[in-house]
Amino acid sequence: MHPAPLPPDDRRERLRHVYWIGGGSGAGKSTIARRLAERHGMRRYDTDAAMPGHARRVPAEQAPRLRAFAAMDMDERWLARSPRQMLDGFHWFHGEGFDLIVEDLLALPADRPVLAEGFRLLPELVRPLLADAHRAVWLLPTPRFRAAVFEARGGSAWGFLAETSDPRLALRKLLQRDALFTDRLAEQTRRLGLPGLRVDSADTEDGLARRVGTLFGLAD
């Protein structure tokens, strides 16, 4: 049984100590979040790590895309559909389970700042929770940067892609899907007046961490 939802104003006030880093997959969110959390004594909340638990906890009626995705085999998920269909059918890209992220954050101690990070932090869902729009940022990787990240992680043999019948095609479709997702994030940040930082191969981890820290108003 989940607690009754708080009014929006109450949630904003109770989450005032939270900083948010969202963005496309492979944009460096986790690396930047770890650096800033260590440097500034912040508690880090990794939404990726929470995914398995949230998938089990989210009520079925609130997660139709998750149910459909879980019923597919690996080729159905990553080969049989177009990148656009993959985007439109992927549950986390549409906010399923986002209320559980908020529930987790509200349950954390507020004795120090919290840095929440992950691709599930969609601009249109985070915006109503912000008391200060400069406590959130979205990292927007270029397609070339995203491809380089996958190559560094082992390319087509990396992770779940190796479980498909054609890992190279699955990788190509996954990269195209994620490029579409990044375009969607860029559009949402522009429309909502939220910060978005383009990430390309010229960016270093130190430089990107400084840019995000400056945007957050964190003293170096």
N, C-alpha and C. Protein backbone atom coordinates (compact mmCIF):
# COMPACT_ATOMS: atom_id res chain seq x y z
N MET A 1 0.85 -1.20 0.00
CA MET A 1 0.00 0.00 0.00
C MET A 1 0.88 1.24 0.00
N HIS A 2 0.61 2.15 -0.93
CA HIS A 2 1.41 3.36 -1.06
C HIS A 2 0.77 4.50 -0.26
N PRO A 3 1.60 5.40 0.30
CA PRO A 3 1.04 6.53 1.02
C PRO A 3 0.26 7.45 0.09
N ALA A 4 -0.69 8.18 0.67
CA ALA A 4 -1.48 9.12 -0.13
C ALA A 4 -0.55 10.18 -0.70
N PRO A 5 -0.73 10.57 -1.99
CA PRO A 5 0.15 11.56 -2.60
C PRO A 5 0.03 12.91 -1.91
N LEU A 6 1.17 13.60 -1.80
CA LEU A 6 1.18 14.94 -1.21
C LEU A 6 0.74 15.96 -2.26
N PRO A 7 0.15 17.08 -1.83
CA PRO A 7 -0.12 18.16 -2.77
C PRO A 7 1.18 18.62 -3.41
N PRO A 8 1.14 19.12 -4.67
CA PRO A 8 2.38 19.52 -5.37
C PRO A 8 3.24 20.49 -4.59
N ASP A 9 2.64 21.49 -3.94
CA ASP A 9 3.44 22.47 -3.20
C ASP A 9 4.19 21.81 -2.05
N ASP A 10 3.57 20.86 -1.37
CA ASP A 10 4.23 20.16 -0.27
C ASP A 10 5.40 19.33 -0.77
N ARG A 11 5.23 18.68 -1.93
CA ARG A 11 6.31 17.87 -2.48
C ARG A 11 7.48 18.77 -2.89
N ARG A 12 7.20 19.89 -3.50
CA ARG A 12 8.28 20.80 -3.88
C ARG A 12 9.08 21.25 -2.66
N GLU A 13 8.39 21.57 -1.59
CA GLU A 13 9.09 22.04 -0.40
C GLU A 13 9.91 20.92 0.22
N ARG A 14 9.37 19.73 0.28
CA ARG A 14 10.09 18.62 0.90
C ARG A 14 11.25 18.11 0.04
N LEU A 15 11.23 18.45 -1.25
CA LEU A 15 12.30 18.03 -2.15
C LEU A 15 13.23 19.19 -2.51
N ARG A 16 13.15 20.25 -1.75
CA ARG A 16 13.95 21.44 -2.04
C ARG A 16 15.46 21.14 -1.99
N HIS A 17 15.87 20.14 -1.19
CA HIS A 17 17.29 19.82 -1.05
C HIS A 17 17.78 18.86 -2.13
N VAL A 18 16.93 18.51 -3.09
CA VAL A 18 17.29 17.54 -4.12
C VAL A 18 17.78 18.26 -5.38
N TYR A 19 18.88 17.76 -5.93
CA TYR A 19 19.38 18.17 -7.24
C TYR A 19 19.13 17.02 -8.21
N TRP A 20 18.88 17.34 -9.48
CA TRP A 20 18.46 16.34 -10.45
C TRP A 20 19.37 16.37 -11.67
N ILE A 21 19.88 15.20 -12.09
CA ILE A 21 20.62 15.08 -13.33
C ILE A 21 19.95 14.00 -14.18
N GLY A 22 19.29 14.42 -15.24
CA GLY A 22 18.66 13.50 -16.18
C GLY A 22 19.41 13.54 -17.49
N GLY A 23 18.88 12.84 -18.49
CA GLY A 23 19.50 12.89 -19.81
C GLY A 23 19.49 11.55 -20.51
N GLY A 24 20.03 11.56 -21.72
CA GLY A 24 20.07 10.36 -22.53
C GLY A 24 21.03 9.32 -21.95
N SER A 25 20.82 8.07 -22.33
CA SER A 25 21.69 6.99 -21.86
C SER A 25 23.10 7.21 -22.39
N GLY A 26 24.10 6.92 -21.54
CA GLY A 26 25.48 7.05 -21.95
C GLY A 26 26.00 8.46 -22.01
N ALA A 27 25.29 9.42 -21.37
CA ALA A 27 25.71 10.81 -21.42
C ALA A 27 26.69 11.17 -20.31
N GLY A 28 26.96 10.26 -19.39
CA GLY A 28 27.87 10.53 -18.29
C GLY A 28 27.19 10.95 -17.01
N LYS A 29 25.90 10.70 -16.89
CA LYS A 29 25.15 11.14 -15.71
C LYS A 29 25.72 10.55 -14.42
N SER A 30 25.96 9.24 -14.43
CA SER A 30 26.43 8.58 -13.21
C SER A 30 27.81 9.06 -12.81
N THR A 31 28.68 9.21 -13.79
CA THR A 31 30.04 9.67 -13.50
C THR A 31 30.02 11.07 -12.90
N ILE A 32 29.26 11.97 -13.52
CA ILE A 32 29.19 13.35 -13.03
C ILE A 32 28.54 13.39 -11.65
N ALA A 33 27.49 12.60 -11.47
CA ALA A 33 26.80 12.58 -10.17
C ALA A 33 27.74 12.08 -9.07
N ARG A 34 28.52 11.03 -9.36
CA ARG A 34 29.45 10.53 -8.35
C ARG A 34 30.49 11.58 -7.99
N ARG A 35 31.03 12.26 -8.99
CA ARG A 35 32.05 13.29 -8.72
C ARG A 35 31.48 14.41 -7.87
N LEU A 36 30.30 14.91 -8.23
CA LEU A 36 29.72 16.02 -7.48
C LEU A 36 29.32 15.59 -6.08
N ALA A 37 28.77 14.38 -5.96
CA ALA A 37 28.36 13.90 -4.64
C ALA A 37 29.55 13.77 -3.70
N GLU A 38 30.65 13.22 -4.21
CA GLU A 38 31.85 13.06 -3.38
C GLU A 38 32.45 14.42 -3.03
N ARG A 39 32.47 15.33 -3.99
CA ARG A 39 33.11 16.62 -3.79
C ARG A 39 32.33 17.50 -2.81
N HIS A 40 31.01 17.37 -2.80
CA HIS A 40 30.18 18.28 -2.03
C HIS A 40 29.42 17.60 -0.90
N GLY A 41 29.77 16.36 -0.59
CA GLY A 41 29.15 15.68 0.54
C GLY A 41 27.66 15.42 0.35
N MET A 42 27.26 15.12 -0.87
CA MET A 42 25.85 14.89 -1.18
C MET A 42 25.53 13.39 -1.14
N ARG A 43 24.30 13.08 -0.86
CA ARG A 43 23.83 11.69 -0.94
C ARG A 43 23.35 11.45 -2.37
N ARG A 44 23.82 10.37 -3.01
CA ARG A 44 23.44 10.10 -4.40
C ARG A 44 22.32 9.07 -4.45
N TYR A 45 21.33 9.35 -5.28
CA TYR A 45 20.23 8.42 -5.51
C TYR A 45 20.26 8.01 -6.98
N ASP A 46 20.54 6.75 -7.23
CA ASP A 46 20.70 6.20 -8.58
C ASP A 46 19.38 5.57 -9.02
N THR A 47 18.68 6.21 -9.93
CA THR A 47 17.39 5.68 -10.36
C THR A 47 17.54 4.39 -11.17
N ASP A 48 18.70 4.21 -11.84
CA ASP A 48 18.92 2.97 -12.57
C ASP A 48 18.95 1.78 -11.60
N ALA A 49 19.65 1.96 -10.47
CA ALA A 49 19.75 0.88 -9.49
C ALA A 49 18.39 0.52 -8.90
N ALA A 50 17.47 1.49 -8.90
CA ALA A 50 16.15 1.26 -8.32
C ALA A 50 15.18 0.58 -9.29
N MET A 51 15.58 0.46 -10.56
CA MET A 51 14.64 -0.05 -11.57
C MET A 51 14.08 -1.44 -11.27
N PRO A 52 14.91 -2.44 -10.92
CA PRO A 52 14.33 -3.76 -10.68
C PRO A 52 13.28 -3.75 -9.58
N GLY A 53 13.57 -3.05 -8.48
CA GLY A 53 12.60 -2.98 -7.39
C GLY A 53 11.33 -2.25 -7.80
N HIS A 54 11.48 -1.18 -8.56
CA HIS A 54 10.31 -0.42 -9.01
C HIS A 54 9.47 -1.25 -9.98
N ALA A 55 10.14 -2.03 -10.83
CA ALA A 55 9.39 -2.87 -11.77
C ALA A 55 8.51 -3.87 -11.03
N ARG A 56 8.99 -4.33 -9.88
CA ARG A 56 8.19 -5.27 -9.08
C ARG A 56 7.09 -4.56 -8.31
N ARG A 57 7.32 -3.31 -7.91
CA ARG A 57 6.40 -2.61 -7.02
C ARG A 57 5.31 -1.82 -7.73
N VAL A 58 5.57 -1.39 -8.96
CA VAL A 58 4.61 -0.52 -9.62
C VAL A 58 3.31 -1.27 -9.88
N PRO A 59 2.17 -0.69 -9.53
CA PRO A 59 0.89 -1.37 -9.78
C PRO A 59 0.69 -1.66 -11.26
N ALA A 60 0.19 -2.84 -11.56
CA ALA A 60 0.06 -3.28 -12.95
C ALA A 60 -0.78 -2.31 -13.78
N GLU A 61 -1.83 -1.75 -13.18
CA GLU A 61 -2.70 -0.86 -13.94
C GLU A 61 -2.02 0.46 -14.29
N GLN A 62 -0.91 0.77 -13.60
CA GLN A 62 -0.17 2.00 -13.89
C GLN A 62 1.01 1.77 -14.83
N ALA A 63 1.18 0.55 -15.29
CA ALA A 63 2.37 0.23 -16.10
C ALA A 63 2.03 -0.69 -17.27
N PRO A 64 1.15 -0.27 -18.18
CA PRO A 64 0.81 -1.14 -19.31
C PRO A 64 1.99 -1.41 -20.24
N ARG A 65 2.85 -0.41 -20.43
CA ARG A 65 4.02 -0.63 -21.30
C ARG A 65 5.01 -1.61 -20.66
N LEU A 66 5.18 -1.50 -19.35
CA LEU A 66 6.07 -2.42 -18.65
C LEU A 66 5.57 -3.85 -18.79
N ARG A 67 4.29 -4.08 -18.65
CA ARG A 67 3.73 -5.42 -18.78
C ARG A 67 3.97 -5.96 -20.19
N ALA A 68 3.75 -5.11 -21.19
CA ALA A 68 3.94 -5.54 -22.57
C ALA A 68 5.41 -5.85 -22.85
N PHE A 69 6.31 -5.02 -22.32
CA PHE A 69 7.75 -5.22 -22.53
C PHE A 69 8.20 -6.52 -21.87
N ALA A 70 7.73 -6.77 -20.67
CA ALA A 70 8.13 -7.98 -19.94
C ALA A 70 7.69 -9.25 -20.65
N ALA A 71 6.61 -9.16 -21.43
CA ALA A 71 6.10 -10.35 -22.12
C ALA A 71 6.86 -10.67 -23.40
N MET A 72 7.72 -9.76 -23.87
CA MET A 72 8.46 -9.96 -25.11
C MET A 72 9.74 -10.76 -24.87
N ASP A 73 10.17 -11.49 -25.89
CA ASP A 73 11.51 -12.08 -25.83
C ASP A 73 12.51 -11.03 -26.32
N MET A 74 13.81 -11.36 -26.27
CA MET A 74 14.83 -10.36 -26.57
C MET A 74 14.77 -9.88 -28.02
N ASP A 75 14.49 -10.77 -28.96
CA ASP A 75 14.39 -10.33 -30.36
C ASP A 75 13.18 -9.44 -30.58
N GLU A 76 12.09 -9.74 -29.89
CA GLU A 76 10.91 -8.87 -30.02
C GLU A 76 11.19 -7.48 -29.47
N ARG A 77 11.96 -7.41 -28.40
CA ARG A 77 12.27 -6.12 -27.80
C ARG A 77 13.20 -5.28 -28.67
N TRP A 78 14.27 -5.92 -29.21
CA TRP A 78 15.37 -5.14 -29.77
C TRP A 78 15.57 -5.32 -31.27
N LEU A 79 14.82 -6.24 -31.91
CA LEU A 79 15.00 -6.47 -33.34
C LEU A 79 13.72 -6.31 -34.15
N ALA A 80 12.61 -6.78 -33.62
CA ALA A 80 11.38 -6.85 -34.42
C ALA A 80 10.72 -5.50 -34.64
N ARG A 81 11.02 -4.52 -33.76
CA ARG A 81 10.35 -3.23 -33.85
C ARG A 81 11.28 -2.16 -34.41
N SER A 82 10.68 -1.11 -34.95
CA SER A 82 11.48 0.02 -35.43
C SER A 82 11.96 0.83 -34.23
N PRO A 83 13.00 1.66 -34.40
CA PRO A 83 13.44 2.52 -33.30
C PRO A 83 12.32 3.40 -32.74
N ARG A 84 11.46 3.90 -33.60
CA ARG A 84 10.33 4.72 -33.12
C ARG A 84 9.38 3.89 -32.28
N GLN A 85 9.09 2.67 -32.71
CA GLN A 85 8.22 1.80 -31.91
C GLN A 85 8.88 1.44 -30.59
N MET A 86 10.19 1.24 -30.61
CA MET A 86 10.91 0.96 -29.37
C MET A 86 10.81 2.14 -28.41
N LEU A 87 10.93 3.33 -28.95
CA LEU A 87 10.81 4.54 -28.12
C LEU A 87 9.41 4.66 -27.53
N ASP A 88 8.41 4.51 -28.37
CA ASP A 88 7.03 4.70 -27.94
C ASP A 88 6.56 3.60 -26.99
N GLY A 89 7.21 2.44 -27.02
CA GLY A 89 6.77 1.34 -26.18
C GLY A 89 7.59 1.11 -24.93
N PHE A 90 8.66 1.93 -24.73
CA PHE A 90 9.53 1.67 -23.58
C PHE A 90 8.99 2.39 -22.35
N HIS A 91 8.65 1.63 -21.34
CA HIS A 91 7.91 2.10 -20.18
C HIS A 91 8.60 3.24 -19.43
N TRP A 92 9.93 3.10 -19.20
CA TRP A 92 10.62 4.13 -18.41
C TRP A 92 10.67 5.47 -19.14
N PHE A 93 10.58 5.46 -20.48
CA PHE A 93 10.59 6.71 -21.23
C PHE A 93 9.26 7.44 -21.15
N HIS A 94 8.27 6.84 -20.52
CA HIS A 94 6.95 7.44 -20.44
C HIS A 94 6.50 7.64 -19.00
N GLY A 95 7.43 7.56 -18.07
CA GLY A 95 7.14 7.90 -16.69
C GLY A 95 6.50 6.81 -15.86
N GLU A 96 6.38 5.60 -16.39
CA GLU A 96 5.83 4.53 -15.56
C GLU A 96 6.78 4.26 -14.39
N GLY A 97 6.25 4.27 -13.19
CA GLY A 97 7.05 4.07 -12.00
C GLY A 97 7.72 5.33 -11.46
N PHE A 98 7.48 6.48 -12.08
CA PHE A 98 8.14 7.70 -11.60
C PHE A 98 7.69 8.06 -10.19
N ASP A 99 6.44 7.81 -9.85
CA ASP A 99 5.97 8.11 -8.50
C ASP A 99 6.77 7.35 -7.44
N LEU A 100 7.32 6.19 -7.80
CA LEU A 100 8.13 5.43 -6.85
C LEU A 100 9.49 6.11 -6.63
N ILE A 101 10.01 6.79 -7.65
CA ILE A 101 11.22 7.59 -7.47
C ILE A 101 10.96 8.69 -6.45
N VAL A 102 9.85 9.39 -6.63
CA VAL A 102 9.50 10.47 -5.70
C VAL A 102 9.30 9.92 -4.30
N GLU A 103 8.65 8.78 -4.20
CA GLU A 103 8.44 8.14 -2.89
C GLU A 103 9.77 7.82 -2.22
N ASP A 104 10.72 7.30 -3.00
CA ASP A 104 12.04 6.99 -2.44
C ASP A 104 12.74 8.26 -1.95
N LEU A 105 12.68 9.32 -2.75
CA LEU A 105 13.36 10.57 -2.39
C LEU A 105 12.75 11.17 -1.13
N LEU A 106 11.44 11.12 -1.01
CA LEU A 106 10.78 11.66 0.18
C LEU A 106 11.14 10.87 1.43
N ALA A 107 11.50 9.61 1.24
CA ALA A 107 11.84 8.76 2.39
C ALA A 107 13.29 8.92 2.85
N LEU A 108 14.12 9.55 2.03
CA LEU A 108 15.52 9.73 2.42
C LEU A 108 15.66 10.83 3.46
N PRO A 109 16.66 10.73 4.34
CA PRO A 109 16.90 11.82 5.30
C PRO A 109 17.22 13.12 4.55
N ALA A 110 16.78 14.22 5.11
CA ALA A 110 17.02 15.53 4.49
C ALA A 110 18.13 16.28 5.22
N ASP A 111 19.06 15.51 5.83
CA ASP A 111 20.13 16.14 6.60
C ASP A 111 21.25 16.70 5.72
N ARG A 112 21.26 16.33 4.44
CA ARG A 112 22.23 16.87 3.49
C ARG A 112 21.62 16.81 2.09
N PRO A 113 22.21 17.53 1.13
CA PRO A 113 21.63 17.53 -0.22
C PRO A 113 21.64 16.13 -0.84
N VAL A 114 20.66 15.88 -1.68
CA VAL A 114 20.55 14.62 -2.40
C VAL A 114 20.71 14.91 -3.89
N LEU A 115 21.49 14.07 -4.57
CA LEU A 115 21.68 14.19 -6.01
C LEU A 115 21.04 12.98 -6.68
N ALA A 116 19.91 13.20 -7.32
CA ALA A 116 19.21 12.12 -8.03
C ALA A 116 19.65 12.13 -9.49
N GLU A 117 19.91 10.94 -10.03
CA GLU A 117 20.36 10.90 -11.42
C GLU A 117 19.81 9.67 -12.14
N GLY A 118 19.61 9.84 -13.46
CA GLY A 118 19.16 8.73 -14.29
C GLY A 118 18.30 9.20 -15.44
N PHE A 119 18.20 8.37 -16.47
CA PHE A 119 17.43 8.75 -17.66
C PHE A 119 15.93 8.80 -17.39
N ARG A 120 15.48 8.20 -16.29
CA ARG A 120 14.05 8.18 -15.97
C ARG A 120 13.54 9.53 -15.46
N LEU A 121 14.44 10.47 -15.20
CA LEU A 121 14.03 11.78 -14.70
C LEU A 121 13.63 12.66 -15.87
N LEU A 122 12.41 12.49 -16.33
CA LEU A 122 11.92 13.21 -17.51
C LEU A 122 11.61 14.66 -17.14
N PRO A 123 11.98 15.61 -18.00
CA PRO A 123 11.77 17.03 -17.67
C PRO A 123 10.33 17.37 -17.29
N GLU A 124 9.36 16.85 -18.02
CA GLU A 124 7.97 17.20 -17.75
C GLU A 124 7.48 16.64 -16.42
N LEU A 125 8.14 15.61 -15.89
CA LEU A 125 7.77 15.05 -14.60
C LEU A 125 8.53 15.72 -13.45
N VAL A 126 9.77 16.12 -13.70
CA VAL A 126 10.57 16.76 -12.67
C VAL A 126 10.16 18.21 -12.47
N ARG A 127 9.77 18.90 -13.54
CA ARG A 127 9.50 20.34 -13.46
C ARG A 127 8.52 20.71 -12.35
N PRO A 128 7.41 20.00 -12.15
CA PRO A 128 6.48 20.39 -11.08
C PRO A 128 7.05 20.22 -9.67
N LEU A 129 8.16 19.49 -9.55
CA LEU A 129 8.76 19.23 -8.24
C LEU A 129 9.86 20.23 -7.89
N LEU A 130 10.18 21.13 -8.80
CA LEU A 130 11.32 22.03 -8.62
C LEU A 130 10.90 23.33 -7.96
N ALA A 131 11.53 23.63 -6.83
CA ALA A 131 11.38 24.96 -6.25
C ALA A 131 12.32 25.94 -6.95
N ASP A 132 13.40 25.43 -7.55
CA ASP A 132 14.39 26.24 -8.25
C ASP A 132 14.76 25.50 -9.53
N ALA A 133 14.48 26.09 -10.68
CA ALA A 133 14.72 25.42 -11.97
C ALA A 133 16.19 25.15 -12.21
N HIS A 134 17.10 25.82 -11.49
CA HIS A 134 18.53 25.60 -11.68
C HIS A 134 19.07 24.50 -10.77
N ARG A 135 18.19 23.71 -10.20
CA ARG A 135 18.63 22.52 -9.46
C ARG A 135 18.41 21.26 -10.27
N ALA A 136 18.22 21.42 -11.56
CA ALA A 136 18.05 20.26 -12.44
C ALA A 136 18.75 20.55 -13.76
N VAL A 137 19.30 19.50 -14.37
CA VAL A 137 19.94 19.63 -15.67
C VAL A 137 19.77 18.32 -16.42
N TRP A 138 19.71 18.42 -17.74
CA TRP A 138 19.63 17.23 -18.59
C TRP A 138 20.82 17.21 -19.53
N LEU A 139 21.56 16.09 -19.52
CA LEU A 139 22.72 15.91 -20.39
C LEU A 139 22.25 15.26 -21.69
N LEU A 140 22.58 15.89 -22.80
CA LEU A 140 22.04 15.50 -24.11
C LEU A 140 23.20 15.05 -25.01
N PRO A 141 23.48 13.74 -25.07
CA PRO A 141 24.62 13.26 -25.84
C PRO A 141 24.36 13.32 -27.34
N THR A 142 25.38 13.69 -28.09
CA THR A 142 25.28 13.61 -29.54
C THR A 142 25.31 12.14 -29.96
N PRO A 143 24.77 11.82 -31.15
CA PRO A 143 24.82 10.42 -31.61
C PRO A 143 26.24 9.87 -31.66
N ARG A 144 27.22 10.69 -32.08
CA ARG A 144 28.59 10.22 -32.15
C ARG A 144 29.13 9.88 -30.76
N PHE A 145 28.81 10.72 -29.79
CA PHE A 145 29.25 10.46 -28.42
C PHE A 145 28.63 9.18 -27.89
N ARG A 146 27.34 9.02 -28.14
CA ARG A 146 26.63 7.83 -27.67
C ARG A 146 27.22 6.56 -28.27
N ALA A 147 27.52 6.59 -29.59
CA ALA A 147 28.10 5.42 -30.25
C ALA A 147 29.47 5.11 -29.68
N ALA A 148 30.25 6.15 -29.37
CA ALA A 148 31.58 5.94 -28.79
C ALA A 148 31.49 5.29 -27.42
N VAL A 149 30.49 5.68 -26.63
CA VAL A 149 30.30 5.08 -25.31
C VAL A 149 30.03 3.58 -25.44
N PHE A 150 29.15 3.20 -26.37
CA PHE A 150 28.86 1.79 -26.54
C PHE A 150 30.08 1.03 -27.04
N GLU A 151 30.85 1.65 -27.94
CA GLU A 151 32.06 1.00 -28.43
C GLU A 151 33.03 0.75 -27.29
N ALA A 152 33.15 1.73 -26.40
CA ALA A 152 34.06 1.58 -25.25
C ALA A 152 33.58 0.50 -24.30
N ARG A 153 32.28 0.27 -24.26
CA ARG A 153 31.72 -0.75 -23.37
C ARG A 153 31.70 -2.15 -24.00
N GLY A 154 32.18 -2.27 -25.21
CA GLY A 154 32.24 -3.58 -25.84
C GLY A 154 31.38 -3.71 -27.08
N GLY A 155 30.80 -2.60 -27.55
CA GLY A 155 30.05 -2.62 -28.79
C GLY A 155 28.89 -3.58 -28.78
N SER A 156 28.74 -4.32 -29.88
CA SER A 156 27.56 -5.17 -30.05
C SER A 156 27.55 -6.36 -29.12
N ALA A 157 28.68 -6.68 -28.49
CA ALA A 157 28.71 -7.81 -27.56
C ALA A 157 28.42 -7.40 -26.13
N TRP A 158 28.10 -6.11 -25.94
CA TRP A 158 27.93 -5.60 -24.58
C TRP A 158 26.56 -5.96 -24.01
N GLY A 159 26.54 -6.53 -22.81
CA GLY A 159 25.31 -6.70 -22.03
C GLY A 159 24.21 -7.46 -22.74
N PHE A 160 23.00 -6.94 -22.59
CA PHE A 160 21.80 -7.65 -23.05
C PHE A 160 21.76 -7.81 -24.56
N LEU A 161 22.48 -6.98 -25.32
CA LEU A 161 22.44 -7.10 -26.77
C LEU A 161 22.97 -8.44 -27.25
N ALA A 162 23.89 -9.03 -26.51
CA ALA A 162 24.44 -10.33 -26.88
C ALA A 162 23.40 -11.44 -26.79
N GLU A 163 22.27 -11.18 -26.13
CA GLU A 163 21.23 -12.18 -25.99
C GLU A 163 20.27 -12.19 -27.17
N THR A 164 20.44 -11.27 -28.12
CA THR A 164 19.60 -11.26 -29.32
C THR A 164 20.24 -12.13 -30.40
N SER A 165 19.49 -12.41 -31.46
CA SER A 165 20.02 -13.22 -32.56
C SER A 165 20.89 -12.41 -33.50
N ASP A 166 20.85 -11.07 -33.41
CA ASP A 166 21.67 -10.21 -34.27
C ASP A 166 22.12 -9.00 -33.45
N PRO A 167 23.16 -9.14 -32.64
CA PRO A 167 23.58 -8.04 -31.76
C PRO A 167 23.93 -6.75 -32.50
N ARG A 168 24.53 -6.85 -33.68
CA ARG A 168 24.89 -5.63 -34.42
C ARG A 168 23.67 -4.84 -34.83
N LEU A 169 22.65 -5.52 -35.34
CA LEU A 169 21.42 -4.84 -35.71
C LEU A 169 20.73 -4.29 -34.46
N ALA A 170 20.74 -5.06 -33.38
CA ALA A 170 20.13 -4.58 -32.13
C ALA A 170 20.82 -3.32 -31.64
N LEU A 171 22.15 -3.27 -31.73
CA LEU A 171 22.89 -2.07 -31.32
C LEU A 171 22.51 -0.89 -32.19
N ARG A 172 22.43 -1.10 -33.49
CA ARG A 172 22.08 0.00 -34.40
C ARG A 172 20.70 0.56 -34.07
N LYS A 173 19.75 -0.33 -33.83
CA LYS A 173 18.40 0.13 -33.50
C LYS A 173 18.35 0.81 -32.14
N LEU A 174 19.11 0.28 -31.19
CA LEU A 174 19.14 0.88 -29.86
C LEU A 174 19.71 2.29 -29.91
N LEU A 175 20.79 2.49 -30.67
CA LEU A 175 21.37 3.82 -30.80
C LEU A 175 20.40 4.79 -31.46
N GLN A 176 19.66 4.31 -32.46
CA GLN A 176 18.67 5.17 -33.12
C GLN A 176 17.53 5.52 -32.17
N ARG A 177 17.10 4.54 -31.39
CA ARG A 177 16.05 4.81 -30.40
C ARG A 177 16.51 5.85 -29.40
N ASP A 178 17.74 5.70 -28.90
CA ASP A 178 18.23 6.62 -27.89
C ASP A 178 18.46 8.02 -28.45
N ALA A 179 18.81 8.13 -29.73
CA ALA A 179 18.91 9.44 -30.36
C ALA A 179 17.54 10.12 -30.40
N LEU A 180 16.50 9.35 -30.69
CA LEU A 180 15.14 9.90 -30.67
C LEU A 180 14.75 10.34 -29.27
N PHE A 181 15.15 9.56 -28.27
CA PHE A 181 14.85 9.92 -26.88
C PHE A 181 15.56 11.21 -26.49
N THR A 182 16.81 11.36 -26.89
CA THR A 182 17.55 12.59 -26.58
C THR A 182 16.89 13.78 -27.26
N ASP A 183 16.42 13.61 -28.49
CA ASP A 183 15.70 14.70 -29.17
C ASP A 183 14.44 15.08 -28.39
N ARG A 184 13.77 14.09 -27.85
CA ARG A 184 12.56 14.37 -27.06
C ARG A 184 12.91 15.14 -25.78
N LEU A 185 14.00 14.75 -25.13
CA LEU A 185 14.43 15.48 -23.94
C LEU A 185 14.80 16.91 -24.27
N ALA A 186 15.50 17.11 -25.39
CA ALA A 186 15.89 18.46 -25.80
C ALA A 186 14.66 19.33 -26.04
N GLU A 187 13.64 18.76 -26.67
CA GLU A 187 12.41 19.52 -26.92
C GLU A 187 11.71 19.87 -25.62
N GLN A 188 11.65 18.92 -24.69
CA GLN A 188 10.98 19.18 -23.42
C GLN A 188 11.71 20.24 -22.60
N THR A 189 13.04 20.17 -22.56
CA THR A 189 13.77 21.18 -21.78
C THR A 189 13.58 22.56 -22.38
N ARG A 190 13.60 22.67 -23.70
CA ARG A 190 13.36 23.98 -24.34
C ARG A 190 11.97 24.50 -24.01
N ARG A 191 10.99 23.63 -24.13
CA ARG A 191 9.61 24.06 -23.92
C ARG A 191 9.35 24.47 -22.48
N LEU A 192 10.01 23.79 -21.54
CA LEU A 192 9.78 24.04 -20.11
C LEU A 192 10.76 25.04 -19.51
N GLY A 193 11.72 25.52 -20.31
CA GLY A 193 12.69 26.47 -19.80
C GLY A 193 13.66 25.86 -18.80
N LEU A 194 14.06 24.62 -19.04
CA LEU A 194 14.97 23.92 -18.14
C LEU A 194 16.34 23.77 -18.80
N PRO A 195 17.41 23.67 -18.00
CA PRO A 195 18.76 23.58 -18.56
C PRO A 195 19.01 22.24 -19.25
N GLY A 196 19.55 22.30 -20.44
CA GLY A 196 20.01 21.12 -21.15
C GLY A 196 21.42 21.36 -21.65
N LEU A 197 22.33 20.42 -21.41
CA LEU A 197 23.72 20.56 -21.83
C LEU A 197 24.04 19.51 -22.89
N ARG A 198 24.44 19.98 -24.08
CA ARG A 198 24.86 19.06 -25.12
C ARG A 198 26.21 18.45 -24.75
N VAL A 199 26.34 17.12 -24.90
CA VAL A 199 27.57 16.41 -24.56
C VAL A 199 28.13 15.78 -25.83
N ASP A 200 29.35 16.14 -26.17
CA ASP A 200 29.98 15.53 -27.34
C ASP A 200 31.39 15.08 -27.00
N SER A 201 32.09 14.59 -28.00
CA SER A 201 33.40 13.97 -27.76
C SER A 201 34.44 14.96 -27.28
N ALA A 202 34.21 16.25 -27.46
CA ALA A 202 35.18 17.25 -27.00
C ALA A 202 35.09 17.50 -25.50
N ASP A 203 34.01 17.04 -24.86
CA ASP A 203 33.83 17.28 -23.44
C ASP A 203 34.63 16.28 -22.61
N THR A 204 35.31 16.78 -21.59
CA THR A 204 35.99 15.91 -20.62
C THR A 204 35.09 15.75 -19.41
N GLU A 205 35.36 14.71 -18.63
CA GLU A 205 34.57 14.50 -17.42
C GLU A 205 34.74 15.65 -16.45
N ASP A 206 35.98 16.13 -16.30
CA ASP A 206 36.23 17.26 -15.40
C ASP A 206 35.48 18.50 -15.87
N GLY A 207 35.54 18.76 -17.17
CA GLY A 207 34.87 19.95 -17.70
C GLY A 207 33.37 19.87 -17.54
N LEU A 208 32.80 18.70 -17.81
CA LEU A 208 31.36 18.55 -17.68
C LEU A 208 30.93 18.66 -16.22
N ALA A 209 31.72 18.08 -15.32
CA ALA A 209 31.40 18.20 -13.89
C ALA A 209 31.42 19.65 -13.45
N ARG A 210 32.39 20.42 -13.95
CA ARG A 210 32.44 21.84 -13.60
C ARG A 210 31.23 22.59 -14.14
N ARG A 211 30.83 22.28 -15.36
CA ARG A 211 29.66 22.95 -15.95
C ARG A 211 28.40 22.67 -15.15
N VAL A 212 28.21 21.41 -14.77
CA VAL A 212 27.02 21.05 -14.00
C VAL A 212 27.09 21.68 -12.61
N GLY A 213 28.25 21.62 -11.97
CA GLY A 213 28.40 22.21 -10.65
C GLY A 213 28.15 23.70 -10.67
N THR A 214 28.62 24.39 -11.71
CA THR A 214 28.38 25.83 -11.83
C THR A 214 26.91 26.12 -12.01
N LEU A 215 26.25 25.33 -12.84
CA LEU A 215 24.82 25.53 -13.06
C LEU A 215 24.05 25.36 -11.75
N PHE A 216 24.47 24.37 -10.95
CA PHE A 216 23.81 24.13 -9.65
C PHE A 216 24.18 25.17 -8.60
N GLY A 217 25.18 26.00 -8.87
CA GLY A 217 25.60 26.98 -7.88
C GLY A 217 26.42 26.38 -6.76
N LEU A 218 27.11 25.25 -7.06
CA LEU A 218 27.93 24.60 -6.06
C LEU A 218 29.34 25.19 -6.09
N ALA A 219 29.85 25.57 -4.96
CA ALA A 219 31.20 26.11 -4.91
C ALA A 219 32.20 25.01 -5.20
N ASP A 220 33.21 25.30 -6.04
CA ASP A 220 34.21 24.29 -6.41
C ASP A 220 35.16 24.08 -5.25
